[in-house]
Amino acid sequence: MKAAYFMKNGGPEVMQYGDVPDPVAQPGQVLVDVHAASVNGADWKVRAGHYAPISDFPYIPGRDFSGVVSALGDGVKDFAVGDAVFGVCDVGQEAAYAEKIAVKAAIVARKPESLSHVECAALSLIGLTALCSVEDTLQLKSGETILIQGGAGGVASFAIQVAKHLGARVITTASAANHDYLRRLGADQIFDYHAQDFTKVVSGCDAVFDTVGGEVAKRSFAVLRPGGRAAFIASGNAAPASPRADAVSLRPKVGRDRAHLDRIAALVTSGAVRVPEITTYKLSEAAAAHKVSEGRHLRGKLVFKVR
């Protein structure tokens, strides 16, 4: 099969495109003919060597996908060959940048007929991360106010809509070029991080969801009310320590399960959440897609059309 992979850590230029061995469905797994796979920030961080060292090459990145089941491993009863599915690879597994992927059947969901493979691939990991952060970790409630940092990104734009669906007031930060986009998603208040210091104009928030990291994450505690809570997904495997005794710092646990994927599908098909803006690439253009993703100023999602 064809895949995008790298043979050593490095910049976007180390991405290659070529033939690799086909995977095989093990017991409890389905083999999926991948139609679309999305690009996530974790992909280029893996490629650049920001995580644990890789010893097994060629290494195929990619964490979410949409496609059609082409084979069943032993014991799989809830899918049939030909079923359209989407999902996120299990924790510790990657390899979605390929024409085929073997993945645990229990963490794959049926693709809604009303959504394309490209749309489902774009929604999978960002939706899972947003739901685990806003609903499960922050437990945001109707009437509360949340600040979502970096609103135009994939996870944050999904989170904005989930927060509005829950009945919260949503404040977000973004460059001026993205303000109209975020208003259409339902953000109540938007601040240009180039022109304004959010700590000077935002206060009394019940919750913060940070997707930016670095100094933005550290300064986010300043906008919380006493007893507020903040969730961080761009500060490594652990949340930054809270500088305040009256504010909680949390690192969402983004597990893998079908129930969350089904909720993503339900939110989107009901109109509660819109599909993000999508830019598509060929799988052979992985280096170019990584360059854009690594720039960290994209809007919406980048998706490979594999078939």
Protein backbone atom coordinates (compact mmCIF):
# COMPACT_ATOMS: atom_id res chain seq x y z
CA MET A 1 0.00 0.00 0.00
CA LYS A 2 1.00 3.65 -0.35
CA ALA A 3 1.72 5.71 2.75
CA ALA A 4 3.34 8.93 3.92
CA TYR A 5 6.15 8.20 6.37
CA PHE A 6 9.55 9.27 7.62
CA MET A 7 12.82 7.39 8.12
CA LYS A 8 14.31 9.78 10.68
CA ASN A 9 13.20 12.67 12.85
CA GLY A 10 13.51 16.14 11.40
CA GLY A 11 11.69 18.93 9.61
CA PRO A 12 8.81 18.57 7.12
CA GLU A 13 11.30 17.64 4.40
CA VAL A 14 11.87 14.18 5.97
CA MET A 15 8.33 13.13 5.01
CA GLN A 16 8.32 10.60 2.17
CA TYR A 17 5.64 8.90 0.09
CA GLY A 18 5.90 5.33 -1.14
CA ASP A 19 5.12 1.66 -0.66
CA VAL A 20 5.00 -0.03 2.74
CA PRO A 21 3.66 -3.45 3.77
CA ASP A 22 -0.11 -3.81 4.21
CA PRO A 23 -1.31 -4.15 7.81
CA VAL A 24 -3.34 -7.20 8.88
CA ALA A 25 -6.39 -7.17 11.16
CA GLN A 26 -5.52 -8.91 14.43
CA PRO A 27 -8.17 -10.43 16.73
CA GLY A 28 -10.62 -7.72 17.78
CA GLN A 29 -9.51 -5.38 15.00
CA VAL A 30 -10.94 -4.20 11.69
CA LEU A 31 -8.88 -3.45 8.61
CA VAL A 32 -10.02 -0.16 7.10
CA ASP A 33 -9.41 1.11 3.57
CA VAL A 34 -8.63 4.71 4.44
CA HIS A 35 -10.42 7.36 2.37
CA ALA A 36 -9.30 10.38 4.39
CA ALA A 37 -6.94 11.13 7.27
CA SER A 38 -6.42 14.41 9.07
CA VAL A 39 -3.33 16.33 10.16
CA ASN A 40 -2.97 17.14 13.85
CA GLY A 41 -0.36 19.10 15.75
CA ALA A 42 0.81 15.88 17.41
CA ASP A 43 1.83 14.53 13.98
CA TRP A 44 4.57 17.05 13.31
CA LYS A 45 5.67 16.95 16.94
CA VAL A 46 6.21 13.19 16.60
CA ARG A 47 8.08 13.75 13.33
CA ALA A 48 10.23 16.50 14.88
CA GLY A 49 11.21 14.27 17.81
CA HIS A 50 9.37 16.13 20.56
CA TYR A 51 8.04 12.90 22.07
CA ALA A 52 9.55 9.54 22.97
CA PRO A 53 12.36 8.33 20.67
CA ILE A 54 11.29 6.22 17.68
CA SER A 55 13.29 3.09 16.90
CA ASP A 56 11.10 1.40 14.28
CA PHE A 57 11.21 2.93 10.79
CA PRO A 58 9.57 3.64 8.41
CA TYR A 59 7.25 5.48 10.79
CA ILE A 60 3.74 6.32 9.57
CA PRO A 61 2.11 9.17 11.54
CA GLY A 62 -1.59 10.03 11.71
CA ARG A 63 -4.16 9.57 14.46
CA ASP A 64 -7.63 9.90 12.89
CA PHE A 65 -9.24 8.61 9.74
CA SER A 66 -12.41 7.71 7.87
CA GLY A 67 -12.84 4.81 5.48
CA VAL A 68 -14.47 1.48 4.69
CA VAL A 69 -14.00 -1.85 6.48
CA SER A 70 -12.22 -4.30 4.18
CA ALA A 71 -11.48 -7.20 6.57
CA LEU A 72 -12.44 -8.39 10.07
CA GLY A 73 -10.15 -9.82 12.72
CA ASP A 74 -11.27 -12.82 14.75
CA GLY A 75 -14.07 -12.05 17.16
CA VAL A 76 -15.39 -8.91 15.50
CA LYS A 77 -19.18 -9.15 15.31
CA ASP A 78 -20.41 -5.53 15.22
CA PHE A 79 -19.09 -4.60 11.76
CA ALA A 80 -19.22 -6.14 8.30
CA VAL A 81 -16.98 -5.73 5.29
CA GLY A 82 -18.18 -2.67 3.39
CA ASP A 83 -19.24 -0.66 6.46
CA ALA A 84 -18.20 3.00 6.38
CA VAL A 85 -16.48 3.95 9.65
CA PHE A 86 -14.41 6.68 11.26
CA GLY A 87 -12.25 6.85 14.32
CA VAL A 88 -9.13 7.77 16.25
CA CYS A 89 -6.22 5.38 16.68
CA ASP A 90 -5.77 3.79 20.09
CA VAL A 91 -3.44 5.53 22.54
CA GLY A 92 0.10 4.68 21.48
CA GLN A 93 -0.90 3.77 17.92
CA GLU A 94 -0.59 5.91 14.81
CA ALA A 95 -0.34 5.07 11.06
CA ALA A 96 -3.43 6.79 9.59
CA TYR A 97 -1.38 8.40 6.77
CA ALA A 98 -1.83 5.28 4.67
CA GLU A 99 -4.19 3.50 2.32
CA LYS A 100 -5.02 0.91 4.99
CA ILE A 101 -5.04 0.78 8.78
CA ALA A 102 -5.77 -1.98 11.30
CA VAL A 103 -7.48 -0.66 14.41
CA LYS A 104 -9.38 -1.98 17.43
CA ALA A 105 -13.04 -2.41 16.41
CA ALA A 106 -14.36 -1.27 19.81
CA ILE A 107 -13.07 2.28 19.30
CA VAL A 108 -14.41 2.75 15.75
CA ALA A 109 -17.83 4.22 14.95
CA ARG A 110 -20.14 4.12 11.94
CA LYS A 111 -19.82 7.08 9.61
CA PRO A 112 -23.05 9.07 9.26
CA GLU A 113 -24.37 8.95 5.69
CA SER A 114 -24.78 12.72 5.65
CA LEU A 115 -21.07 13.34 6.26
CA SER A 116 -18.24 12.70 3.82
CA HIS A 117 -15.08 10.78 4.68
CA VAL A 118 -13.11 14.04 4.56
CA GLU A 119 -15.52 15.65 7.05
CA CYS A 120 -15.42 12.68 9.43
CA ALA A 121 -11.62 12.54 9.37
CA ALA A 122 -11.54 16.28 10.14
CA LEU A 123 -13.89 15.87 13.09
CA SER A 124 -12.58 12.76 14.82
CA LEU A 125 -9.66 13.77 17.04
CA ILE A 126 -10.62 17.44 17.44
CA GLY A 127 -14.13 16.43 18.48
CA LEU A 128 -12.88 13.77 20.87
CA THR A 129 -10.42 16.21 22.45
CA ALA A 130 -12.98 19.01 22.74
CA LEU A 131 -15.64 16.78 24.29
CA CYS A 132 -13.23 15.19 26.79
CA SER A 133 -11.99 18.67 27.76
CA VAL A 134 -15.18 20.73 27.90
CA GLU A 135 -17.77 18.16 28.96
CA ASP A 136 -15.80 15.52 30.86
CA THR A 137 -12.92 17.47 32.44
CA LEU A 138 -14.23 21.02 32.90
CA GLN A 139 -17.82 19.81 33.26
CA LEU A 140 -19.02 23.11 31.81
CA LYS A 141 -22.60 24.03 32.65
CA SER A 142 -25.29 26.30 31.28
CA GLY A 143 -24.87 29.89 32.41
CA GLU A 144 -21.12 29.64 33.01
CA THR A 145 -18.48 31.70 31.20
CA ILE A 146 -15.49 30.07 29.51
CA LEU A 147 -12.40 31.54 27.85
CA ILE A 148 -11.16 29.34 24.99
CA GLN A 149 -7.62 30.22 23.91
CA GLY A 150 -6.73 30.00 20.20
CA GLY A 151 -10.31 29.86 18.94
CA ALA A 152 -9.65 29.36 15.22
CA GLY A 153 -7.85 26.03 15.63
CA GLY A 154 -9.62 22.74 15.07
CA VAL A 155 -10.07 21.66 18.70
CA ALA A 156 -10.90 25.15 19.93
CA SER A 157 -13.47 25.84 17.20
CA PHE A 158 -15.26 22.57 18.06
CA ALA A 159 -15.06 23.45 21.76
CA ILE A 160 -16.62 26.87 21.16
CA GLN A 161 -19.65 25.24 19.60
CA VAL A 162 -19.95 22.56 22.28
CA ALA A 163 -19.79 25.24 24.98
CA LYS A 164 -22.54 27.24 23.27
CA HIS A 165 -24.64 24.08 22.89
CA LEU A 166 -24.30 23.54 26.65
CA GLY A 167 -25.58 27.08 27.28
CA ALA A 168 -22.31 28.76 28.28
CA ARG A 169 -21.06 32.24 27.44
CA VAL A 170 -17.95 31.91 25.28
CA ILE A 171 -15.00 34.29 25.10
CA THR A 172 -12.13 33.44 22.76
CA THR A 173 -8.83 34.77 21.43
CA ALA A 174 -7.80 34.87 17.78
CA SER A 175 -6.13 37.06 15.17
CA ALA A 176 -8.40 39.71 13.66
CA ALA A 177 -8.67 37.78 10.38
CA ASN A 178 -10.54 34.99 12.16
CA HIS A 179 -13.07 37.06 14.13
CA ASP A 180 -15.92 36.80 11.62
CA TYR A 181 -15.36 33.03 11.38
CA LEU A 182 -15.59 32.67 15.15
CA ARG A 183 -18.69 34.83 15.39
CA ARG A 184 -20.36 32.47 12.93
CA LEU A 185 -19.45 29.60 15.26
CA GLY A 186 -21.20 31.38 18.12
CA ALA A 187 -18.43 33.06 20.13
CA ASP A 188 -19.90 35.86 22.26
CA GLN A 189 -16.71 37.89 22.65
CA ILE A 190 -13.45 37.73 20.68
CA PHE A 191 -10.15 39.44 21.48
CA ASP A 192 -7.24 39.92 19.08
CA TYR A 193 -4.20 38.53 20.87
CA HIS A 194 -1.96 40.72 18.69
CA ALA A 195 -3.64 43.92 19.86
CA GLN A 196 -4.94 43.19 23.35
CA ASP A 197 -3.67 41.57 26.53
CA PHE A 198 -6.46 39.15 27.41
CA THR A 199 -5.63 39.39 31.11
CA LYS A 200 -6.55 43.10 31.01
CA VAL A 201 -9.94 42.64 29.35
CA VAL A 202 -11.20 39.27 30.64
CA SER A 203 -11.99 38.38 34.25
CA GLY A 204 -14.36 36.32 36.38
CA CYS A 205 -14.41 33.25 34.13
CA ASP A 206 -15.70 29.99 35.50
CA ALA A 207 -13.42 28.01 33.20
CA VAL A 208 -10.54 28.31 30.74
CA PHE A 209 -9.72 25.87 27.95
CA ASP A 210 -6.21 26.48 26.62
CA THR A 211 -5.08 25.06 23.26
CA VAL A 212 -2.04 27.33 22.83
CA GLY A 213 0.41 26.50 25.63
CA GLY A 214 3.51 28.38 26.74
CA GLU A 215 3.08 31.79 28.33
CA VAL A 216 -0.57 31.94 27.25
CA ALA A 217 -1.27 28.89 29.41
CA LYS A 218 0.52 30.32 32.44
CA ARG A 219 -1.27 33.67 32.19
CA SER A 220 -4.69 32.08 31.74
CA PHE A 221 -5.09 31.54 35.49
CA ALA A 222 -5.42 35.32 35.91
CA VAL A 223 -8.88 35.44 34.32
CA LEU A 224 -10.49 32.80 36.55
CA ARG A 225 -12.89 33.60 39.36
CA PRO A 226 -12.12 32.11 42.79
CA GLY A 227 -12.94 28.41 42.51
CA GLY A 228 -12.48 28.42 38.72
CA ARG A 229 -10.90 25.61 36.75
CA ALA A 230 -8.64 25.48 33.70
CA ALA A 231 -7.89 22.65 31.26
CA PHE A 232 -4.72 22.48 29.15
CA ILE A 233 -3.94 20.36 26.10
CA ALA A 234 -0.83 22.15 24.76
CA SER A 235 1.38 22.05 27.86
CA GLY A 236 2.63 18.48 27.65
CA ASN A 237 1.37 15.41 29.45
CA ALA A 238 0.69 17.29 32.70
CA ALA A 239 -1.18 20.51 33.34
CA PRO A 240 0.91 23.49 34.46
CA ALA A 241 0.91 24.03 38.21
CA SER A 242 -1.74 26.51 39.30
CA PRO A 243 -0.23 29.66 40.82
CA ARG A 244 -3.47 30.15 42.76
CA ALA A 245 -4.76 28.11 45.67
CA ASP A 246 -8.31 28.94 44.59
CA ALA A 247 -8.01 27.74 40.96
CA VAL A 248 -7.76 24.18 39.67
CA SER A 249 -5.40 23.12 36.85
CA LEU A 250 -6.44 20.06 34.83
CA ARG A 251 -5.02 17.92 32.00
CA PRO A 252 -7.89 16.25 30.09
CA LYS A 253 -7.64 12.52 29.58
CA VAL A 254 -8.53 11.97 25.93
CA GLY A 255 -9.46 8.31 25.86
CA ARG A 256 -10.71 6.32 22.87
CA ASP A 257 -14.23 4.91 22.74
CA ARG A 258 -17.15 4.63 20.37
CA ALA A 259 -19.54 6.56 22.63
CA HIS A 260 -17.62 9.81 22.19
CA LEU A 261 -17.42 9.32 18.41
CA ASP A 262 -21.16 8.71 18.27
CA ARG A 263 -21.69 11.94 20.24
CA ILE A 264 -19.51 13.84 17.76
CA ALA A 265 -21.61 12.48 14.91
CA ALA A 266 -24.86 13.36 16.70
CA LEU A 267 -23.75 16.93 17.46
CA VAL A 268 -22.75 17.54 13.85
CA THR A 269 -25.68 15.85 12.14
CA SER A 270 -28.12 17.71 14.42
CA GLY A 271 -26.56 21.04 13.48
CA ALA A 272 -25.29 21.83 16.98
CA VAL A 273 -21.69 21.80 15.70
CA ARG A 274 -20.53 22.75 12.22
CA VAL A 275 -17.83 20.97 10.24
CA PRO A 276 -14.65 23.08 10.42
CA GLU A 277 -13.14 24.79 7.41
CA ILE A 278 -11.11 22.11 5.62
CA THR A 279 -8.08 22.34 3.36
CA THR A 280 -7.32 19.09 1.52
CA TYR A 281 -4.02 17.63 0.37
CA LYS A 282 -2.93 14.52 -1.45
CA LEU A 283 -1.15 11.98 0.75
CA SER A 284 1.97 12.58 -1.34
CA GLU A 285 1.88 16.22 -0.16
CA ALA A 286 2.47 15.37 3.50
CA ALA A 287 5.56 17.58 3.75
CA ALA A 288 3.60 20.63 2.58
CA ALA A 289 0.72 19.89 4.97
CA HIS A 290 3.13 19.52 7.90
CA LYS A 291 4.76 22.84 7.07
CA VAL A 292 1.37 24.58 7.31
CA SER A 293 0.41 22.73 10.50
CA GLU A 294 3.73 23.52 12.15
CA GLY A 295 3.19 27.21 11.40
CA ARG A 296 0.28 27.05 13.90
CA HIS A 297 -1.73 29.83 12.28
CA LEU A 298 -4.11 27.74 10.21
CA ARG A 299 -7.88 27.93 10.46
CA GLY A 300 -9.92 24.75 10.72
CA LYS A 301 -8.41 21.45 9.60
CA LEU A 302 -5.99 19.97 7.09
CA VAL A 303 -7.10 16.63 5.64
CA PHE A 304 -5.50 14.12 3.25
CA LYS A 305 -7.78 12.72 0.55
CA VAL A 306 -6.32 9.23 0.39
CA ARG A 307 -8.77 7.68 -2.11
